[in-house]
């Protein structure tokens, strides 16, 4: 089973680290499931995207992958969620 998780962000540099590490930890406890985390960043001025990309590379493995979608402007929570869901559905995840 492949699970997709959408994480819309704006100025979440501290929280994104905690969240991604927690998700990775939980993914190790569940067998037979792969996780694809789509971080959708609304052009955060605090460097959220940069940190998410760096940490995503460190944490990614066979059953856990982080993808960062950079948006060029702050366009809102709802649109970020929709963009993340569309991305995950294009990757054929079983559950979002």
PDB file of N, CA and C in Angstrom:
ATOM      1  N   UNK A   1       0.843  -1.177   0.000  1.00  0.00           N
ATOM      2  CA  UNK A   1       0.000   0.000   0.000  1.00  0.00           C
ATOM      3  C   UNK A   1       0.889   1.242   0.000  1.00  0.00           C
ATOM      4  N   UNK A   2       0.481   2.228  -0.769  1.00  0.00           N
ATOM      5  CA  UNK A   2       1.200   3.501  -0.836  1.00  0.00           C
ATOM      6  C   UNK A   2       0.315   4.607  -0.273  1.00  0.00           C
ATOM      7  N   UNK A   3       0.839   5.303   0.724  1.00  0.00           N
ATOM      8  CA  UNK A   3       0.109   6.388   1.359  1.00  0.00           C
ATOM      9  C   UNK A   3       0.772   7.710   1.002  1.00  0.00           C
ATOM     10  N   UNK A   4      -0.047   8.678   0.591  1.00  0.00           N
ATOM     11  CA  UNK A   4       0.445  10.022   0.292  1.00  0.00           C
ATOM     12  C   UNK A   4      -0.002  10.989   1.369  1.00  0.00           C
ATOM     13  N   UNK A   5       0.905  11.855   1.781  1.00  0.00           N
ATOM     14  CA  UNK A   5       0.617  12.841   2.819  1.00  0.00           C
ATOM     15  C   UNK A   5       0.929  14.226   2.275  1.00  0.00           C
ATOM     16  N   UNK A   6      -0.048  15.129   2.343  1.00  0.00           N
ATOM     17  CA  UNK A   6       0.137  16.506   1.903  1.00  0.00           C
ATOM     18  C   UNK A   6       0.463  17.360   3.125  1.00  0.00           C
ATOM     19  N   UNK A   7       1.546  18.139   3.016  1.00  0.00           N
ATOM     20  CA  UNK A   7       1.939  19.048   4.093  1.00  0.00           C
ATOM     21  C   UNK A   7       2.077  20.458   3.502  1.00  0.00           C
ATOM     22  N   UNK A   8       1.000  21.265   3.583  1.00  0.00           N
ATOM     23  CA  UNK A   8       1.105  22.645   3.105  1.00  0.00           C
ATOM     24  C   UNK A   8       1.881  23.474   4.124  1.00  0.00           C
ATOM     25  N   UNK A   9       2.822  24.303   3.645  1.00  0.00           N
ATOM     26  CA  UNK A   9       3.652  25.067   4.581  1.00  0.00           C
ATOM     27  C   UNK A   9       3.776  26.532   4.182  1.00  0.00           C
ATOM     28  N   UNK A  10       3.947  27.345   5.204  1.00  0.00           N
ATOM     29  CA  UNK A  10       4.343  28.746   5.058  1.00  0.00           C
ATOM     30  C   UNK A  10       4.984  29.156   6.369  1.00  0.00           C
ATOM     31  N   UNK A  11       6.258  29.456   6.327  1.00  0.00           N
ATOM     32  CA  UNK A  11       7.039  29.828   7.520  1.00  0.00           C
ATOM     33  C   UNK A  11       6.948  28.768   8.612  1.00  0.00           C
ATOM     34  N   UNK A  12       7.305  27.543   8.261  1.00  0.00           N
ATOM     35  CA  UNK A  12       7.246  26.417   9.196  1.00  0.00           C
ATOM     36  C   UNK A  12       8.613  25.764   9.367  1.00  0.00           C
ATOM     37  N   UNK A  13       9.671  26.554   9.341  1.00  0.00           N
ATOM     38  CA  UNK A  13      11.027  25.990   9.351  1.00  0.00           C
ATOM     39  C   UNK A  13      11.291  25.113  10.577  1.00  0.00           C
ATOM     40  N   UNK A  14      10.786  25.482  11.733  1.00  0.00           N
ATOM     41  CA  UNK A  14      10.995  24.666  12.934  1.00  0.00           C
ATOM     42  C   UNK A  14      10.075  23.451  12.910  1.00  0.00           C
ATOM     43  N   UNK A  15       8.820  23.677  12.588  1.00  0.00           N
ATOM     44  CA  UNK A  15       7.840  22.593  12.638  1.00  0.00           C
ATOM     45  C   UNK A  15       8.061  21.535  11.565  1.00  0.00           C
ATOM     46  N   UNK A  16       8.570  21.903  10.404  1.00  0.00           N
ATOM     47  CA  UNK A  16       8.747  20.926   9.334  1.00  0.00           C
ATOM     48  C   UNK A  16       9.775  19.872   9.724  1.00  0.00           C
ATOM     49  N   UNK A  17      10.789  20.274  10.452  1.00  0.00           N
ATOM     50  CA  UNK A  17      11.808  19.326  10.918  1.00  0.00           C
ATOM     51  C   UNK A  17      11.176  18.312  11.863  1.00  0.00           C
ATOM     52  N   UNK A  18      10.425  18.811  12.835  1.00  0.00           N
ATOM     53  CA  UNK A  18       9.774  17.925  13.803  1.00  0.00           C
ATOM     54  C   UNK A  18       8.786  16.984  13.119  1.00  0.00           C
ATOM     55  N   UNK A  19       7.993  17.529  12.197  1.00  0.00           N
ATOM     56  CA  UNK A  19       6.979  16.724  11.527  1.00  0.00           C
ATOM     57  C   UNK A  19       7.594  15.634  10.654  1.00  0.00           C
ATOM     58  N   UNK A  20       8.564  15.984   9.823  1.00  0.00           N
ATOM     59  CA  UNK A  20       9.161  14.994   8.933  1.00  0.00           C
ATOM     60  C   UNK A  20       9.866  13.891   9.709  1.00  0.00           C
ATOM     61  N   UNK A  21      10.545  14.253  10.777  1.00  0.00           N
ATOM     62  CA  UNK A  21      11.199  13.224  11.604  1.00  0.00           C
ATOM     63  C   UNK A  21      10.170  12.309  12.266  1.00  0.00           C
ATOM     64  N   UNK A  22       9.066  12.875  12.735  1.00  0.00           N
ATOM     65  CA  UNK A  22       8.010  12.069  13.358  1.00  0.00           C
ATOM     66  C   UNK A  22       7.359  11.139  12.337  1.00  0.00           C
ATOM     67  N   UNK A  23       7.115  11.640  11.130  1.00  0.00           N
ATOM     68  CA  UNK A  23       6.527  10.803  10.088  1.00  0.00           C
ATOM     69  C   UNK A  23       7.465   9.654   9.711  1.00  0.00           C
ATOM     70  N   UNK A  24       8.738   9.933   9.605  1.00  0.00           N
ATOM     71  CA  UNK A  24       9.717   8.894   9.288  1.00  0.00           C
ATOM     72  C   UNK A  24       9.734   7.829  10.380  1.00  0.00           C
ATOM     73  N   UNK A  25       9.723   8.272  11.623  1.00  0.00           N
ATOM     74  CA  UNK A  25       9.733   7.344  12.754  1.00  0.00           C
ATOM     75  C   UNK A  25       8.509   6.427  12.720  1.00  0.00           C
ATOM     76  N   UNK A  26       7.341   6.996  12.455  1.00  0.00           N
ATOM     77  CA  UNK A  26       6.126   6.201  12.379  1.00  0.00           C
ATOM     78  C   UNK A  26       6.156   5.252  11.188  1.00  0.00           C
ATOM     79  N   UNK A  27       6.728   5.692  10.077  1.00  0.00           N
ATOM     80  CA  UNK A  27       6.765   4.846   8.885  1.00  0.00           C
ATOM     81  C   UNK A  27       7.583   3.580   9.133  1.00  0.00           C
ATOM     82  N   UNK A  28       8.577   3.665   9.993  1.00  0.00           N
ATOM     83  CA  UNK A  28       9.411   2.499  10.295  1.00  0.00           C
ATOM     84  C   UNK A  28       8.657   1.455  11.115  1.00  0.00           C
ATOM     85  N   UNK A  29       7.598   1.879  11.773  1.00  0.00           N
ATOM     86  CA  UNK A  29       6.819   0.966  12.622  1.00  0.00           C
ATOM     87  C   UNK A  29       5.749   0.203  11.842  1.00  0.00           C
ATOM     88  N   UNK A  30       5.468   0.633  10.622  1.00  0.00           N
ATOM     89  CA  UNK A  30       4.377   0.045   9.839  1.00  0.00           C
ATOM     90  C   UNK A  30       4.982  -0.732   8.667  1.00  0.00           C
ATOM     91  N   UNK A  31       4.762  -2.025   8.655  1.00  0.00           N
ATOM     92  CA  UNK A  31       5.325  -2.845   7.582  1.00  0.00           C
ATOM     93  C   UNK A  31       4.375  -2.909   6.392  1.00  0.00           C
ATOM     94  N   UNK A  32       4.936  -3.059   5.217  1.00  0.00           N
ATOM     95  CA  UNK A  32       4.142  -3.216   4.011  1.00  0.00           C
ATOM     96  C   UNK A  32       3.515  -1.940   3.473  1.00  0.00           C
ATOM     97  N   UNK A  33       3.919  -0.802   4.001  1.00  0.00           N
ATOM     98  CA  UNK A  33       3.352   0.472   3.577  1.00  0.00           C
ATOM     99  C   UNK A  33       4.486   1.413   3.184  1.00  0.00           C
ATOM    100  N   UNK A  34       4.296   2.096   2.056  1.00  0.00           N
ATOM    101  CA  UNK A  34       5.251   3.119   1.626  1.00  0.00           C
ATOM    102  C   UNK A  34       4.599   4.484   1.778  1.00  0.00           C
ATOM    103  N   UNK A  35       5.412   5.474   2.130  1.00  0.00           N
ATOM    104  CA  UNK A  35       4.920   6.828   2.341  1.00  0.00           C
ATOM    105  C   UNK A  35       5.565   7.792   1.355  1.00  0.00           C
ATOM    106  N   UNK A  36       4.741   8.630   0.754  1.00  0.00           N
ATOM    107  CA  UNK A  36       5.205   9.718  -0.089  1.00  0.00           C
ATOM    108  C   UNK A  36       4.662  11.011   0.512  1.00  0.00           C
ATOM    109  N   UNK A  37       5.554  11.853   1.009  1.00  0.00           N
ATOM    110  CA  UNK A  37       5.168  13.098   1.666  1.00  0.00           C
ATOM    111  C   UNK A  37       5.405  14.240   0.687  1.00  0.00           C
ATOM    112  N   UNK A  38       4.348  14.975   0.372  1.00  0.00           N
ATOM    113  CA  UNK A  38       4.448  16.130  -0.516  1.00  0.00           C
ATOM    114  C   UNK A  38       4.351  17.400   0.322  1.00  0.00           C
ATOM    115  N   UNK A  39       5.494  18.058   0.491  1.00  0.00           N
ATOM    116  CA  UNK A  39       5.535  19.338   1.185  1.00  0.00           C
ATOM    117  C   UNK A  39       5.286  20.405   0.128  1.00  0.00           C
ATOM    118  N   UNK A  40       4.199  21.165   0.285  1.00  0.00           N
ATOM    119  CA  UNK A  40       3.840  22.207  -0.673  1.00  0.00           C
ATOM    120  C   UNK A  40       4.097  23.545   0.005  1.00  0.00           C
ATOM    121  N   UNK A  41       5.176  24.205  -0.411  1.00  0.00           N
ATOM    122  CA  UNK A  41       5.585  25.446   0.253  1.00  0.00           C
ATOM    123  C   UNK A  41       5.172  26.671  -0.561  1.00  0.00           C
ATOM    124  N   UNK A  42       4.538  27.621   0.122  1.00  0.00           N
ATOM    125  CA  UNK A  42       4.042  28.855  -0.503  1.00  0.00           C
ATOM    126  C   UNK A  42       5.094  29.976  -0.473  1.00  0.00           C
ATOM    127  N   UNK A  43       6.308  29.652  -0.914  1.00  0.00           N
ATOM    128  CA  UNK A  43       7.376  30.652  -1.009  1.00  0.00           C
ATOM    129  C   UNK A  43       7.706  31.271   0.351  1.00  0.00           C
ATOM    130  N   UNK A  44       7.890  30.415   1.353  1.00  0.00           N
ATOM    131  CA  UNK A  44       8.200  30.874   2.712  1.00  0.00           C
ATOM    132  C   UNK A  44       9.508  31.650   2.743  1.00  0.00           C
ATOM    133  N   UNK A  45       9.491  32.847   3.331  1.00  0.00           N
ATOM    134  CA  UNK A  45      10.731  33.617   3.428  1.00  0.00           C
ATOM    135  C   UNK A  45      11.692  33.096   4.493  1.00  0.00           C
ATOM    136  N   UNK A  46      11.246  32.173   5.353  1.00  0.00           N
ATOM    137  CA  UNK A  46      12.106  31.679   6.435  1.00  0.00           C
ATOM    138  C   UNK A  46      12.952  30.474   6.041  1.00  0.00           C
ATOM    139  N   UNK A  47      12.859  30.010   4.807  1.00  0.00           N
ATOM    140  CA  UNK A  47      13.690  28.896   4.354  1.00  0.00           C
ATOM    141  C   UNK A  47      13.075  27.527   4.568  1.00  0.00           C
ATOM    142  N   UNK A  48      11.777  27.459   4.771  1.00  0.00           N
ATOM    143  CA  UNK A  48      11.106  26.173   4.987  1.00  0.00           C
ATOM    144  C   UNK A  48      11.406  25.191   3.857  1.00  0.00           C
ATOM    145  N   UNK A  49      11.304  25.639   2.624  1.00  0.00           N
ATOM    146  CA  UNK A  49      11.522  24.764   1.474  1.00  0.00           C
ATOM    147  C   UNK A  49      12.939  24.188   1.467  1.00  0.00           C
ATOM    148  N   UNK A  50      13.903  25.029   1.707  1.00  0.00           N
ATOM    149  CA  UNK A  50      15.309  24.596   1.700  1.00  0.00           C
ATOM    150  C   UNK A  50      15.555  23.530   2.765  1.00  0.00           C
ATOM    151  N   UNK A  51      15.042  23.758   3.961  1.00  0.00           N
ATOM    152  CA  UNK A  51      15.220  22.806   5.051  1.00  0.00           C
ATOM    153  C   UNK A  51      14.483  21.497   4.734  1.00  0.00           C
ATOM    154  N   UNK A  52      13.265  21.598   4.199  1.00  0.00           N
ATOM    155  CA  UNK A  52      12.489  20.402   3.858  1.00  0.00           C
ATOM    156  C   UNK A  52      13.207  19.571   2.792  1.00  0.00           C
ATOM    157  N   UNK A  53      13.797  20.230   1.808  1.00  0.00           N
ATOM    158  CA  UNK A  53      14.534  19.511   0.761  1.00  0.00           C
ATOM    159  C   UNK A  53      15.748  18.796   1.345  1.00  0.00           C
ATOM    160  N   UNK A  54      16.492  19.500   2.182  1.00  0.00           N
ATOM    161  CA  UNK A  54      17.693  18.910   2.782  1.00  0.00           C
ATOM    162  C   UNK A  54      17.331  17.718   3.664  1.00  0.00           C
ATOM    163  N   UNK A  55      16.363  17.912   4.540  1.00  0.00           N
ATOM    164  CA  UNK A  55      15.953  16.843   5.440  1.00  0.00           C
ATOM    165  C   UNK A  55      15.297  15.703   4.669  1.00  0.00           C
ATOM    166  N   UNK A  56      14.547  16.046   3.636  1.00  0.00           N
ATOM    167  CA  UNK A  56      13.921  15.023   2.812  1.00  0.00           C
ATOM    168  C   UNK A  56      14.939  14.083   2.188  1.00  0.00           C
ATOM    169  N   UNK A  57      16.057  14.626   1.734  1.00  0.00           N
ATOM    170  CA  UNK A  57      17.124  13.791   1.165  1.00  0.00           C
ATOM    171  C   UNK A  57      17.722  12.878   2.224  1.00  0.00           C
ATOM    172  N   UNK A  58      17.889  13.406   3.434  1.00  0.00           N
ATOM    173  CA  UNK A  58      18.463  12.615   4.522  1.00  0.00           C
ATOM    174  C   UNK A  58      17.526  11.492   4.971  1.00  0.00           C
ATOM    175  N   UNK A  59      16.238  11.766   5.018  1.00  0.00           N
ATOM    176  CA  UNK A  59      15.278  10.810   5.552  1.00  0.00           C
ATOM    177  C   UNK A  59      14.752   9.822   4.521  1.00  0.00           C
ATOM    178  N   UNK A  60      14.798  10.180   3.249  1.00  0.00           N
ATOM    179  CA  UNK A  60      14.212   9.331   2.214  1.00  0.00           C
ATOM    180  C   UNK A  60      14.912   7.991   2.125  1.00  0.00           C
ATOM    181  N   UNK A  61      14.103   6.975   1.902  1.00  0.00           N
ATOM    182  CA  UNK A  61      14.602   5.610   1.762  1.00  0.00           C
ATOM    183  C   UNK A  61      13.650   4.815   0.904  1.00  0.00           C
ATOM    184  N   UNK A  62      13.756   3.493   0.959  1.00  0.00           N
ATOM    185  CA  UNK A  62      12.926   2.657   0.094  1.00  0.00           C
ATOM    186  C   UNK A  62      11.420   2.804   0.342  1.00  0.00           C
ATOM    187  N   UNK A  63      11.015   3.047   1.584  1.00  0.00           N
ATOM    188  CA  UNK A  63       9.586   3.123   1.896  1.00  0.00           C
ATOM    189  C   UNK A  63       9.143   4.497   2.371  1.00  0.00           C
ATOM    190  N   UNK A  64      10.020   5.480   2.292  1.00  0.00           N
ATOM    191  CA  UNK A  64       9.687   6.834   2.761  1.00  0.00           C
ATOM    192  C   UNK A  64      10.377   7.847   1.860  1.00  0.00           C
ATOM    193  N   UNK A  65       9.570   8.699   1.236  1.00  0.00           N
ATOM    194  CA  UNK A  65      10.134   9.702   0.337  1.00  0.00           C
ATOM    195  C   UNK A  65       9.462  11.040   0.581  1.00  0.00           C
ATOM    196  N   UNK A  66      10.276  12.097   0.562  1.00  0.00           N
ATOM    197  CA  UNK A  66       9.779  13.463   0.716  1.00  0.00           C
ATOM    198  C   UNK A  66      10.028  14.212  -0.585  1.00  0.00           C
ATOM    199  N   UNK A  67       8.972  14.859  -1.078  1.00  0.00           N
ATOM    200  CA  UNK A  67       9.053  15.693  -2.277  1.00  0.00           C
ATOM    201  C   UNK A  67       8.597  17.093  -1.877  1.00  0.00           C
ATOM    202  N   UNK A  68       9.356  18.112  -2.295  1.00  0.00           N
ATOM    203  CA  UNK A  68       8.983  19.496  -1.995  1.00  0.00           C
ATOM    204  C   UNK A  68       8.508  20.162  -3.276  1.00  0.00           C
ATOM    205  N   UNK A  69       7.309  20.708  -3.201  1.00  0.00           N
ATOM    206  CA  UNK A  69       6.737  21.451  -4.324  1.00  0.00           C
ATOM    207  C   UNK A  69       6.820  22.928  -3.967  1.00  0.00           C
ATOM    208  N   UNK A  70       7.639  23.661  -4.704  1.00  0.00           N
ATOM    209  CA  UNK A  70       7.812  25.096  -4.451  1.00  0.00           C
ATOM    210  C   UNK A  70       6.808  25.887  -5.266  1.00  0.00           C
ATOM    211  N   UNK A  71       6.068  26.736  -4.582  1.00  0.00           N
ATOM    212  CA  UNK A  71       5.139  27.640  -5.261  1.00  0.00           C
ATOM    213  C   UNK A  71       5.750  29.033  -5.257  1.00  0.00           C
ATOM    214  N   UNK A  72       5.449  29.808  -6.276  1.00  0.00           N
ATOM    215  CA  UNK A  72       6.123  31.101  -6.451  1.00  0.00           C
ATOM    216  C   UNK A  72       5.535  32.222  -5.613  1.00  0.00           C
ATOM    217  N   UNK A  73       4.341  31.994  -5.047  1.00  0.00           N
ATOM    218  CA  UNK A  73       3.734  33.037  -4.217  1.00  0.00           C
ATOM    219  C   UNK A  73       2.874  32.385  -3.141  1.00  0.00           C
ATOM    220  N   UNK A  74       2.517  33.174  -2.160  1.00  0.00           N
ATOM    221  CA  UNK A  74       1.617  32.694  -1.113  1.00  0.00           C
ATOM    222  C   UNK A  74       0.210  32.701  -1.703  1.00  0.00           C
ATOM    223  N   UNK A  75      -0.291  31.502  -1.988  1.00  0.00           N
ATOM    224  CA  UNK A  75      -1.567  31.388  -2.683  1.00  0.00           C
ATOM    225  C   UNK A  75      -2.644  30.722  -1.829  1.00  0.00           C
ATOM    226  N   UNK A  76      -2.325  30.396  -0.615  1.00  0.00           N
ATOM    227  CA  UNK A  76      -3.339  29.901   0.301  1.00  0.00           C
ATOM    228  C   UNK A  76      -3.303  28.412   0.575  1.00  0.00           C
ATOM    229  N   UNK A  77      -3.849  28.092   1.740  1.00  0.00           N
ATOM    230  CA  UNK A  77      -3.878  26.728   2.254  1.00  0.00           C
ATOM    231  C   UNK A  77      -4.652  25.782   1.337  1.00  0.00           C
ATOM    232  N   UNK A  78      -5.837  26.187   0.944  1.00  0.00           N
ATOM    233  CA  UNK A  78      -6.681  25.322   0.115  1.00  0.00           C
ATOM    234  C   UNK A  78      -6.037  24.954  -1.197  1.00  0.00           C
ATOM    235  N   UNK A  79      -5.494  25.935  -1.884  1.00  0.00           N
ATOM    236  CA  UNK A  79      -4.853  25.674  -3.180  1.00  0.00           C
ATOM    237  C   UNK A  79      -3.595  24.819  -3.009  1.00  0.00           C
ATOM    238  N   UNK A  80      -2.884  25.018  -1.893  1.00  0.00           N
ATOM    239  CA  UNK A  80      -1.706  24.188  -1.624  1.00  0.00           C
ATOM    240  C   UNK A  80      -2.121  22.735  -1.408  1.00  0.00           C
ATOM    241  N   UNK A  81      -3.213  22.522  -0.683  1.00  0.00           N
ATOM    242  CA  UNK A  81      -3.720  21.161  -0.457  1.00  0.00           C
ATOM    243  C   UNK A  81      -4.118  20.499  -1.767  1.00  0.00           C
ATOM    244  N   UNK A  82      -4.827  21.239  -2.611  1.00  0.00           N
ATOM    245  CA  UNK A  82      -5.262  20.693  -3.901  1.00  0.00           C
ATOM    246  C   UNK A  82      -4.056  20.345  -4.770  1.00  0.00           C
ATOM    247  N   UNK A  83      -3.070  21.237  -4.808  1.00  0.00           N
ATOM    248  CA  UNK A  83      -1.874  20.958  -5.620  1.00  0.00           C
ATOM    249  C   UNK A  83      -1.144  19.722  -5.102  1.00  0.00           C
ATOM    250  N   UNK A  84      -1.034  19.601  -3.796  1.00  0.00           N
ATOM    251  CA  UNK A  84      -0.390  18.422  -3.209  1.00  0.00           C
ATOM    252  C   UNK A  84      -1.157  17.143  -3.497  1.00  0.00           C
ATOM    253  N   UNK A  85      -2.482  17.187  -3.376  1.00  0.00           N
ATOM    254  CA  UNK A  85      -3.301  16.007  -3.661  1.00  0.00           C
ATOM    255  C   UNK A  85      -3.204  15.605  -5.126  1.00  0.00           C
ATOM    256  N   UNK A  86      -3.249  16.587  -6.016  1.00  0.00           N
ATOM    257  CA  UNK A  86      -3.114  16.283  -7.444  1.00  0.00           C
ATOM    258  C   UNK A  86      -1.771  15.629  -7.743  1.00  0.00           C
ATOM    259  N   UNK A  87      -0.715  16.136  -7.119  1.00  0.00           N
ATOM    260  CA  UNK A  87       0.611  15.541  -7.307  1.00  0.00           C
ATOM    261  C   UNK A  87       0.613  14.085  -6.835  1.00  0.00           C
ATOM    262  N   UNK A  88       0.100  13.858  -5.631  1.00  0.00           N
ATOM    263  CA  UNK A  88       0.104  12.505  -5.076  1.00  0.00           C
ATOM    264  C   UNK A  88      -0.738  11.552  -5.909  1.00  0.00           C
ATOM    265  N   UNK A  89      -1.889  12.015  -6.374  1.00  0.00           N
ATOM    266  CA  UNK A  89      -2.730  11.162  -7.210  1.00  0.00           C
ATOM    267  C   UNK A  89      -2.048  10.827  -8.533  1.00  0.00           C
ATOM    268  N   UNK A  90      -1.244  11.759  -9.056  1.00  0.00           N
ATOM    269  CA  UNK A  90      -0.503  11.484 -10.289  1.00  0.00           C
ATOM    270  C   UNK A  90       0.574  10.421 -10.069  1.00  0.00           C
ATOM    271  N   UNK A  91       0.969  10.238  -8.823  1.00  0.00           N
ATOM    272  CA  UNK A  91       1.965   9.221  -8.471  1.00  0.00           C
ATOM    273  C   UNK A  91       1.321   7.888  -8.090  1.00  0.00           C
ATOM    274  N   UNK A  92       0.006   7.815  -8.248  1.00  0.00           N
ATOM    275  CA  UNK A  92      -0.757   6.583  -8.046  1.00  0.00           C
ATOM    276  C   UNK A  92      -0.699   6.059  -6.610  1.00  0.00           C
ATOM    277  N   UNK A  93      -0.775   6.961  -5.615  1.00  0.00           N
ATOM    278  CA  UNK A  93      -0.852   6.503  -4.237  1.00  0.00           C
ATOM    279  C   UNK A  93      -2.238   5.905  -4.006  1.00  0.00           C
ATOM    280  N   UNK A  94      -2.336   4.997  -3.049  1.00  0.00           N
ATOM    281  CA  UNK A  94      -3.597   4.340  -2.747  1.00  0.00           C
ATOM    282  C   UNK A  94      -4.485   5.159  -1.829  1.00  0.00           C
ATOM    283  N   UNK A  95      -3.870   6.005  -1.019  1.00  0.00           N
ATOM    284  CA  UNK A  95      -4.609   6.757  -0.019  1.00  0.00           C
ATOM    285  C   UNK A  95      -3.928   8.095   0.199  1.00  0.00           C
ATOM    286  N   UNK A  96      -4.708   9.181   0.232  1.00  0.00           N
ATOM    287  CA  UNK A  96      -4.158  10.512   0.501  1.00  0.00           C
ATOM    288  C   UNK A  96      -4.685  10.967   1.839  1.00  0.00           C
TER     289      UNK A  96
END
